[in-house]
């Protein structure tokens, strides 16, 4: 299969229209495979689309078949557009759309009664309705006031209170069916996106830290490397915005949903607490400040000079360990468990690296204020990242003898970490 794909890719090289069609077909194929494999965003879209189609068919069956209405267009039309991404948005937009439809039907009927001509009624009503469509109370449903007027006048039926009430009733029927289908048949609950965005944010933060650490250890400290780090940090900011958006969708999806139906939801039933958003916001801010300090130090026209020698290697190792912790948390968020828990060993190693970096900071002070300022700023941001990603475990007050034992254990861990750092 890969050979066939490679052959097609080579054949389409240089042919932009055909290549665009090919890549779109590939994207559709990937989405279809993802929807088939298991729960995810692609399957949610399939379910939502089928629900919208089902709601329209039910509305048509009720209005057009059961009630034998010759103008049963309004009910399936309204039902189709009201199967939204959340039950709350369906209810809110149902109210807005119903109000817009009522305004459109009433104004079109009044214009037809005044002009006694469909064309004249359109000329009289459409400009007013298009202006009313921009009213904030209608939200994005204001356009339905104008389209309803077009439907009312294009039907050719005589103006009467019964005809207007009939169309409004059809719209109400469609709204009830659309909202009911969305709320009772696999109600959309968006809890997966928050966890996925948090995991992606942790993974990408670890990738950035590993990239910085690798470049520092290879002494590739130049403007190009700094620009790459800055781009990765900017991408973290966009990922953070996506997390906030997912959190908002998660809260909204839980509004107006039935508890028993919510328990039937396949996938995660809880989301990480909102404190995690703030924690990773601080991590993103520290990474942005870190990359900015590195970019300033890499600029030949700026006064601060980058640190050199063993202290730079120690700092790279510290960033590498923090990046490992980010990757570990990312795996845990998506349900993957590590075989071992290296948190304690990593924390002890990081403490030893931090101690040696403090000594290196004093050594850099003898080489000039510029190097000391840069290393101090970098060390401060590393400490901020360390505190957020690997917080110290809470300790309780214990009797004197166990406390001495803890001190002995800590000394042993420090000795082991020193040996690890030397390696």
Protein backbone atom coordinates (compact mmCIF):
# COMPACT_ATOMS: atom_id res chain seq x y z
CA UNK A 1 0.00 0.00 0.00
CA UNK A 2 2.85 2.37 0.80
CA UNK A 3 4.43 1.64 -2.60
CA UNK A 4 1.17 2.50 -4.36
CA UNK A 5 0.87 5.73 -2.39
CA UNK A 6 4.47 6.64 -3.25
CA UNK A 7 3.86 5.97 -6.95
CA UNK A 8 0.73 8.14 -6.97
CA UNK A 9 2.54 10.90 -5.09
CA UNK A 10 5.31 10.95 -7.68
CA UNK A 11 2.81 10.91 -10.55
CA UNK A 12 0.93 13.90 -9.10
CA UNK A 13 4.04 15.92 -8.37
CA UNK A 14 3.76 19.31 -10.09
CA UNK A 15 0.03 18.94 -10.82
CA UNK A 16 -1.54 21.09 -8.14
CA UNK A 17 -5.28 20.54 -8.80
CA UNK A 18 -4.88 16.76 -8.96
CA UNK A 19 -2.53 16.78 -5.97
CA UNK A 20 -5.06 18.79 -3.93
CA UNK A 21 -7.79 16.26 -4.75
CA UNK A 22 -5.42 13.42 -3.82
CA UNK A 23 -4.52 14.93 -0.44
CA UNK A 24 -8.17 15.65 0.35
CA UNK A 25 -9.06 12.05 -0.49
CA UNK A 26 -6.26 10.88 1.81
CA UNK A 27 -7.56 13.11 4.61
CA UNK A 28 -11.07 11.70 4.17
CA UNK A 29 -9.66 8.17 4.25
CA UNK A 30 -7.74 8.87 7.47
CA UNK A 31 -10.86 10.33 9.08
CA UNK A 32 -12.94 7.33 8.04
CA UNK A 33 -10.37 4.90 9.47
CA UNK A 34 -10.21 6.88 12.72
CA UNK A 35 -14.00 6.82 13.03
CA UNK A 36 -14.02 3.07 12.43
CA UNK A 37 -11.24 2.29 14.91
CA UNK A 38 -12.84 3.71 18.02
CA UNK A 39 -14.24 6.71 19.89
CA UNK A 40 -12.78 10.04 18.92
CA UNK A 41 -13.51 13.36 17.28
CA UNK A 42 -14.16 11.74 13.90
CA UNK A 43 -16.71 9.30 15.28
CA UNK A 44 -18.42 12.12 17.18
CA UNK A 45 -18.86 13.98 13.88
CA UNK A 46 -20.34 10.88 12.25
CA UNK A 47 -22.80 10.40 15.09
CA UNK A 48 -23.81 14.07 15.08
CA UNK A 49 -24.35 14.08 11.32
CA UNK A 50 -26.50 10.96 11.44
CA UNK A 51 -28.53 12.42 14.32
CA UNK A 52 -29.21 15.60 12.32
CA UNK A 53 -30.34 13.56 9.32
CA UNK A 54 -32.50 11.38 11.57
CA UNK A 55 -34.14 14.40 13.21
CA UNK A 56 -35.01 15.86 9.80
CA UNK A 57 -36.51 12.54 8.65
CA UNK A 58 -38.60 12.24 11.83
CA UNK A 59 -39.87 15.81 11.40
CA UNK A 60 -40.76 15.10 7.77
CA UNK A 61 -42.55 11.87 8.75
CA UNK A 62 -44.59 13.70 11.38
CA UNK A 63 -45.41 16.82 9.35
CA UNK A 64 -45.52 15.50 5.82
CA UNK A 65 -46.72 11.90 6.24
CA UNK A 66 -48.64 11.70 9.49
CA UNK A 67 -50.20 15.21 9.42
CA UNK A 68 -50.35 15.19 5.59
CA UNK A 69 -49.19 18.80 5.38
CA UNK A 70 -48.56 19.90 1.76
CA UNK A 71 -46.10 22.57 3.01
CA UNK A 72 -44.15 20.49 5.50
CA UNK A 73 -40.82 22.09 4.60
CA UNK A 74 -40.31 24.15 7.76
CA UNK A 75 -40.32 21.27 10.25
CA UNK A 76 -37.46 19.13 8.79
CA UNK A 77 -35.49 22.24 7.90
CA UNK A 78 -35.54 23.55 11.47
CA UNK A 79 -34.93 20.08 12.97
CA UNK A 80 -31.89 19.60 10.73
CA UNK A 81 -30.09 22.77 11.77
CA UNK A 82 -30.86 22.47 15.48
CA UNK A 83 -28.87 19.28 16.11
CA UNK A 84 -25.87 21.22 17.41
CA UNK A 85 -22.60 20.28 19.08
CA UNK A 86 -24.15 20.48 22.58
CA UNK A 87 -27.66 20.18 23.99
CA UNK A 88 -27.37 23.64 25.54
CA UNK A 89 -26.49 25.24 22.20
CA UNK A 90 -29.41 23.40 20.58
CA UNK A 91 -31.84 24.82 23.14
CA UNK A 92 -30.36 28.32 22.94
CA UNK A 93 -30.33 28.37 19.14
CA UNK A 94 -33.82 26.88 19.02
CA UNK A 95 -35.13 29.90 20.92
CA UNK A 96 -33.20 32.33 18.74
CA UNK A 97 -34.21 30.63 15.52
CA UNK A 98 -37.85 30.35 16.51
CA UNK A 99 -37.93 34.07 17.33
CA UNK A 100 -36.29 34.90 13.99
CA UNK A 101 -38.74 32.69 12.09
CA UNK A 102 -41.70 34.32 13.82
CA UNK A 103 -40.41 37.79 12.95
CA UNK A 104 -39.80 36.79 9.33
CA UNK A 105 -43.20 35.16 8.89
CA UNK A 106 -45.08 38.06 10.50
CA UNK A 107 -43.23 40.80 8.61
CA UNK A 108 -43.51 38.99 5.26
CA UNK A 109 -47.22 38.46 5.78
CA UNK A 110 -47.71 42.09 6.74
CA UNK A 111 -45.76 43.25 3.66
CA UNK A 112 -47.86 41.00 1.42
CA UNK A 113 -51.06 42.38 2.93
CA UNK A 114 -49.87 45.96 2.30
CA UNK A 115 -48.59 45.51 -1.26
CA UNK A 116 -50.84 42.63 -2.41
CA UNK A 117 -47.88 41.46 -4.50
CA UNK A 118 -45.15 38.96 -3.69
CA UNK A 119 -42.42 40.92 -5.42
CA UNK A 120 -43.41 44.13 -3.69
CA UNK A 121 -43.59 42.29 -0.37
CA UNK A 122 -40.04 41.02 -0.86
CA UNK A 123 -38.81 44.51 -1.73
CA UNK A 124 -40.49 45.89 1.37
CA UNK A 125 -39.57 43.19 3.90
CA UNK A 126 -36.13 41.85 2.97
CA UNK A 127 -34.07 45.02 3.65
CA UNK A 128 -35.66 45.37 7.08
CA UNK A 129 -35.18 41.69 7.89
CA UNK A 130 -31.52 41.69 6.79
CA UNK A 131 -30.90 44.64 9.09
CA UNK A 132 -32.71 42.82 11.91
CA UNK A 133 -30.55 39.74 11.24
CA UNK A 134 -27.58 41.61 12.71
CA UNK A 135 -29.31 42.03 16.07
CA UNK A 136 -27.14 40.40 18.72
CA UNK A 137 -30.15 38.77 20.41
CA UNK A 138 -30.59 36.57 17.36
CA UNK A 139 -26.98 35.39 17.48
CA UNK A 140 -26.15 33.55 14.27
CA UNK A 141 -29.80 32.67 13.68
CA UNK A 142 -30.88 36.13 12.46
CA UNK A 143 -30.54 35.14 8.81
CA UNK A 144 -33.50 32.78 9.23
CA UNK A 145 -35.83 35.77 9.51
CA UNK A 146 -35.05 36.71 5.89
CA UNK A 147 -35.10 33.14 4.56
CA UNK A 148 -38.44 32.51 6.27
CA UNK A 149 -39.86 35.57 4.53
CA UNK A 150 -38.69 34.19 1.17
CA UNK A 151 -40.32 30.80 1.90
CA UNK A 152 -43.57 32.40 3.04
CA UNK A 153 -43.89 34.60 -0.04
CA UNK A 154 -42.63 31.97 -2.51
CA UNK A 155 -45.28 29.49 -1.40
CA UNK A 156 -47.97 31.62 -3.07
CA UNK A 157 -50.58 31.01 -0.38
CA UNK A 158 -52.93 33.77 0.63
CA UNK A 159 -52.16 35.85 3.70
CA UNK A 160 -54.14 34.89 6.77
CA UNK A 161 -53.65 34.47 10.48
CA UNK A 162 -54.11 30.73 10.01
CA UNK A 163 -51.36 30.51 7.37
CA UNK A 164 -48.91 32.44 9.54
CA UNK A 165 -49.73 30.35 12.58
CA UNK A 166 -49.36 27.20 10.48
CA UNK A 167 -45.79 28.07 9.48
CA UNK A 168 -44.85 29.09 12.99
CA UNK A 169 -46.28 25.80 14.25
CA UNK A 170 -44.20 23.86 11.73
CA UNK A 171 -41.09 25.65 12.95
CA UNK A 172 -41.98 24.85 16.56
CA UNK A 173 -42.51 21.19 15.67
CA UNK A 174 -39.12 20.98 13.98
CA UNK A 175 -37.43 22.72 16.89
CA UNK A 176 -38.93 20.31 19.42
CA UNK A 177 -37.91 17.27 17.38
CA UNK A 178 -34.38 18.55 16.74
CA UNK A 179 -33.71 19.38 20.38
CA UNK A 180 -35.29 16.13 21.61
CA UNK A 181 -33.20 13.99 19.27
CA UNK A 182 -30.01 15.80 20.29
CA UNK A 183 -30.80 15.54 24.01
CA UNK A 184 -32.11 11.97 24.16
CA UNK A 185 -30.14 10.08 21.48
CA UNK A 186 -26.46 9.86 22.44
CA UNK A 187 -26.27 13.44 23.78
CA UNK A 188 -22.97 15.06 22.76
CA UNK A 189 -20.58 15.23 25.72
CA UNK A 190 -17.16 16.71 25.03
CA UNK A 191 -14.90 15.46 27.82
CA UNK A 192 -12.23 13.82 25.69
CA UNK A 193 -10.90 17.05 24.16
CA UNK A 194 -9.77 18.52 27.48
CA UNK A 195 -7.67 15.48 28.35
CA UNK A 196 -6.26 15.25 24.81
CA UNK A 197 -5.27 18.92 24.78
CA UNK A 198 -3.65 18.66 28.20
CA UNK A 199 -1.72 15.59 27.07
CA UNK A 200 -0.64 17.34 23.87
CA UNK A 201 0.42 20.41 25.83
CA UNK A 202 2.53 18.30 28.20
CA UNK A 203 4.05 16.31 25.33
CA UNK A 204 4.90 19.42 23.29
CA UNK A 205 6.37 21.14 26.35
CA UNK A 206 8.61 18.10 26.85
CA UNK A 207 9.58 18.18 23.19
CA UNK A 208 10.59 21.83 23.49
CA UNK A 209 12.68 21.16 26.60
CA UNK A 210 14.39 18.21 24.91
CA UNK A 211 15.10 20.33 21.83
CA UNK A 212 16.64 23.10 23.90
CA UNK A 213 18.67 20.61 25.96
CA UNK A 214 19.99 18.84 22.87
CA UNK A 215 21.06 22.09 21.21
CA UNK A 216 22.74 23.35 24.36
CA UNK A 217 24.69 20.14 24.84
CA UNK A 218 25.85 20.32 21.21
CA UNK A 219 26.73 24.00 21.78
CA UNK A 220 24.39 25.05 18.94
CA UNK A 221 23.49 28.36 20.54
CA UNK A 222 22.76 30.69 17.63
CA UNK A 223 19.98 32.86 16.25
CA UNK A 224 18.52 30.04 14.14
CA UNK A 225 18.22 27.71 17.13
CA UNK A 226 16.67 30.49 19.21
CA UNK A 227 14.15 31.19 16.43
CA UNK A 228 13.16 27.50 16.37
CA UNK A 229 12.68 27.50 20.13
CA UNK A 230 10.58 30.65 19.94
CA UNK A 231 8.34 29.09 17.28
CA UNK A 232 7.79 26.03 19.45
CA UNK A 233 6.94 28.25 22.42
CA UNK A 234 4.46 30.20 20.28
CA UNK A 235 2.84 26.93 19.27
CA UNK A 236 2.42 26.10 22.97
CA UNK A 237 0.48 29.35 23.38
CA UNK A 238 -1.90 28.28 20.60
CA UNK A 239 -2.24 24.85 22.19
CA UNK A 240 -3.14 26.58 25.47
CA UNK A 241 -5.89 28.53 23.68
CA UNK A 242 -7.21 25.24 22.29
CA UNK A 243 -7.25 23.84 25.84
CA UNK A 244 -9.32 26.79 27.07
CA UNK A 245 -11.75 26.31 24.17
CA UNK A 246 -12.04 22.59 24.92
CA UNK A 247 -12.69 23.35 28.59
CA UNK A 248 -15.50 25.72 27.60
CA UNK A 249 -17.04 23.09 25.33
CA UNK A 250 -16.74 20.52 28.11
CA UNK A 251 -18.64 22.70 30.58
CA UNK A 252 -21.32 23.52 28.04
CA UNK A 253 -21.78 19.89 26.98
CA UNK A 254 -22.69 18.93 30.55
CA UNK A 255 -25.46 21.52 30.78
CA UNK A 256 -29.03 20.28 30.24
CA UNK A 257 -27.91 16.68 29.75
CA UNK A 258 -29.65 13.88 31.57
CA UNK A 259 -27.66 12.11 34.28
CA UNK A 260 -28.63 8.54 33.22
CA UNK A 261 -27.90 9.32 29.56
CA UNK A 262 -24.62 10.94 30.55
CA UNK A 263 -23.54 7.70 32.21
CA UNK A 264 -24.05 5.89 28.90
CA UNK A 265 -21.40 8.11 27.34
CA UNK A 266 -18.53 6.04 26.01
CA UNK A 267 -15.19 7.51 26.84
CA UNK A 268 -13.91 9.50 29.82
CA UNK A 269 -16.60 10.38 32.35
CA UNK A 270 -14.51 12.95 34.22
CA UNK A 271 -12.08 15.61 33.13
CA UNK A 272 -8.92 16.82 34.86
CA UNK A 273 -9.63 19.69 37.28
CA UNK A 274 -9.49 23.25 35.99
CA UNK A 275 -6.47 23.90 38.20
CA UNK A 276 -4.49 21.89 35.65
CA UNK A 277 -5.23 24.55 33.02
CA UNK A 278 -3.75 27.23 35.23
CA UNK A 279 -0.73 25.07 36.06
CA UNK A 280 0.08 24.46 32.41
CA UNK A 281 -0.54 28.11 31.67
CA UNK A 282 2.24 28.93 34.13
CA UNK A 283 4.44 26.26 32.55
CA UNK A 284 3.84 27.78 29.11
CA UNK A 285 4.68 31.24 30.45
CA UNK A 286 7.92 29.97 31.97
CA UNK A 287 8.88 28.24 28.72
CA UNK A 288 8.17 31.42 26.77
CA UNK A 289 10.34 33.41 29.16
CA UNK A 290 13.06 30.75 28.92
CA UNK A 291 13.16 30.83 25.12
CA UNK A 292 13.11 34.64 25.15
CA UNK A 293 16.13 34.71 27.47
CA UNK A 294 17.92 32.24 25.21
CA UNK A 295 17.11 34.36 22.15
CA UNK A 296 18.48 37.49 23.83
CA UNK A 297 21.68 35.69 24.79
CA UNK A 298 22.08 34.38 21.23
CA UNK A 299 21.84 37.89 19.75
CA UNK A 300 25.33 39.15 18.96
CA UNK A 301 24.21 42.76 19.24
CA UNK A 302 22.97 42.39 22.82
CA UNK A 303 25.07 42.78 25.96
CA UNK A 304 24.20 39.50 27.81
CA UNK A 305 26.54 36.64 26.96
CA UNK A 306 25.61 32.95 27.15
CA UNK A 307 27.30 30.79 29.79
CA UNK A 308 29.86 28.29 28.63
CA UNK A 309 31.60 25.13 29.77
CA UNK A 310 30.38 22.47 32.19
CA UNK A 311 27.68 24.68 33.66
CA UNK A 312 25.92 24.73 30.29
CA UNK A 313 25.98 20.93 30.14
CA UNK A 314 24.52 20.73 33.66
CA UNK A 315 21.72 23.09 32.68
CA UNK A 316 20.94 21.01 29.58
CA UNK A 317 20.71 17.88 31.74
CA UNK A 318 18.30 19.63 34.09
CA UNK A 319 16.05 20.66 31.19
CA UNK A 320 16.20 17.12 29.85
CA UNK A 321 14.94 15.69 33.14
CA UNK A 322 12.10 18.22 33.31
CA UNK A 323 11.18 17.30 29.72
CA UNK A 324 11.11 13.62 30.70
CA UNK A 325 8.66 14.48 33.48
CA UNK A 326 6.45 16.30 30.96
CA UNK A 327 6.40 13.24 28.68
CA UNK A 328 5.57 10.99 31.62
CA UNK A 329 2.60 13.15 32.55
CA UNK A 330 1.44 13.23 28.93
CA UNK A 331 1.42 9.43 28.81
CA UNK A 332 -0.50 9.22 32.07
CA UNK A 333 -3.15 11.63 30.78
CA UNK A 334 -3.92 9.35 27.83
CA UNK A 335 -4.02 6.26 30.02
CA UNK A 336 -0.53 4.87 29.42
CA UNK A 337 1.27 3.68 32.53
CA UNK A 338 5.04 3.58 32.84
CA UNK A 339 6.69 0.37 33.98
CA UNK A 340 8.59 2.21 36.68
CA UNK A 341 8.08 5.43 38.59
CA UNK A 342 11.32 7.41 38.27
CA UNK A 343 9.93 10.48 40.02
CA UNK A 344 11.93 10.10 43.23
CA UNK A 345 15.20 9.29 41.47
CA UNK A 346 14.68 12.15 39.02
CA UNK A 347 13.86 14.54 41.84
CA UNK A 348 17.04 13.61 43.70
CA UNK A 349 19.12 13.96 40.51
CA UNK A 350 17.55 17.33 39.79
CA UNK A 351 18.35 18.52 43.30
CA UNK A 352 21.99 17.60 42.77
CA UNK A 353 22.06 19.33 39.37
CA UNK A 354 20.47 22.40 40.91
CA UNK A 355 23.09 22.46 43.67
CA UNK A 356 25.91 22.26 41.16
CA UNK A 357 24.31 24.93 38.99
CA UNK A 358 24.19 27.23 42.00
CA UNK A 359 27.92 26.67 42.41
CA UNK A 360 28.37 27.33 38.71
CA UNK A 361 26.44 30.57 39.07
CA UNK A 362 28.97 31.77 41.64
CA UNK A 363 31.79 30.78 39.30
CA UNK A 364 30.19 32.67 36.39
CA UNK A 365 30.02 35.77 38.56
CA UNK A 366 33.80 35.98 38.33
CA UNK A 367 33.66 36.06 34.52
CA UNK A 368 31.38 39.07 34.21
CA UNK A 369 27.92 40.33 35.04
CA UNK A 370 26.49 39.45 31.61
CA UNK A 371 27.02 35.72 31.91
CA UNK A 372 25.80 35.74 35.50
CA UNK A 373 22.61 37.56 34.51
CA UNK A 374 21.83 35.10 31.70
CA UNK A 375 22.51 31.99 33.76
CA UNK A 376 20.54 33.41 36.69
CA UNK A 377 17.53 34.10 34.43
CA UNK A 378 17.73 30.63 32.89
CA UNK A 379 18.07 28.97 36.27
CA UNK A 380 15.08 30.91 37.61
CA UNK A 381 12.85 29.70 34.76
CA UNK A 382 14.08 26.13 35.22
CA UNK A 383 13.19 26.35 38.92
CA UNK A 384 9.71 27.61 38.00
CA UNK A 385 9.22 24.71 35.61
CA UNK A 386 10.52 22.24 38.17
CA UNK A 387 8.12 23.56 40.83
CA UNK A 388 5.10 23.24 38.48
CA UNK A 389 5.88 19.93 36.80
CA UNK A 390 7.53 18.06 39.67
CA UNK A 391 6.19 19.61 42.88
CA UNK A 392 7.63 18.47 46.16
CA UNK A 393 5.48 15.83 47.92
CA UNK A 394 3.66 16.98 51.02
CA UNK A 395 5.44 15.93 54.19
CA UNK A 396 3.78 15.45 57.56
CA UNK A 397 5.19 16.14 61.01
CA UNK A 398 6.52 12.89 62.40
CA UNK A 399 8.45 11.82 65.54
CA UNK A 400 12.14 12.54 65.78
CA UNK A 401 13.44 9.04 64.99
CA UNK A 402 11.59 8.60 61.68
CA UNK A 403 12.70 12.13 60.77
CA UNK A 404 16.31 11.10 61.23
CA UNK A 405 15.68 8.07 59.05
CA UNK A 406 14.26 10.33 56.34
CA UNK A 407 17.35 12.50 56.54
CA UNK A 408 19.53 9.41 56.15
CA UNK A 409 17.48 8.28 53.13
CA UNK A 410 17.75 11.75 51.61
CA UNK A 411 21.51 11.69 52.08
CA UNK A 412 21.69 8.31 50.34
CA UNK A 413 19.52 9.59 47.48
CA UNK A 414 21.74 12.66 47.12
CA UNK A 415 24.83 10.44 47.02
CA UNK A 416 23.22 8.27 44.33
CA UNK A 417 22.15 11.31 42.32
CA UNK A 418 25.68 12.69 42.49
CA UNK A 419 26.93 9.45 40.96
CA UNK A 420 24.23 9.71 38.26
CA UNK A 421 25.21 13.29 37.42
CA UNK A 422 28.88 12.35 37.20
CA UNK A 423 27.96 9.64 34.71
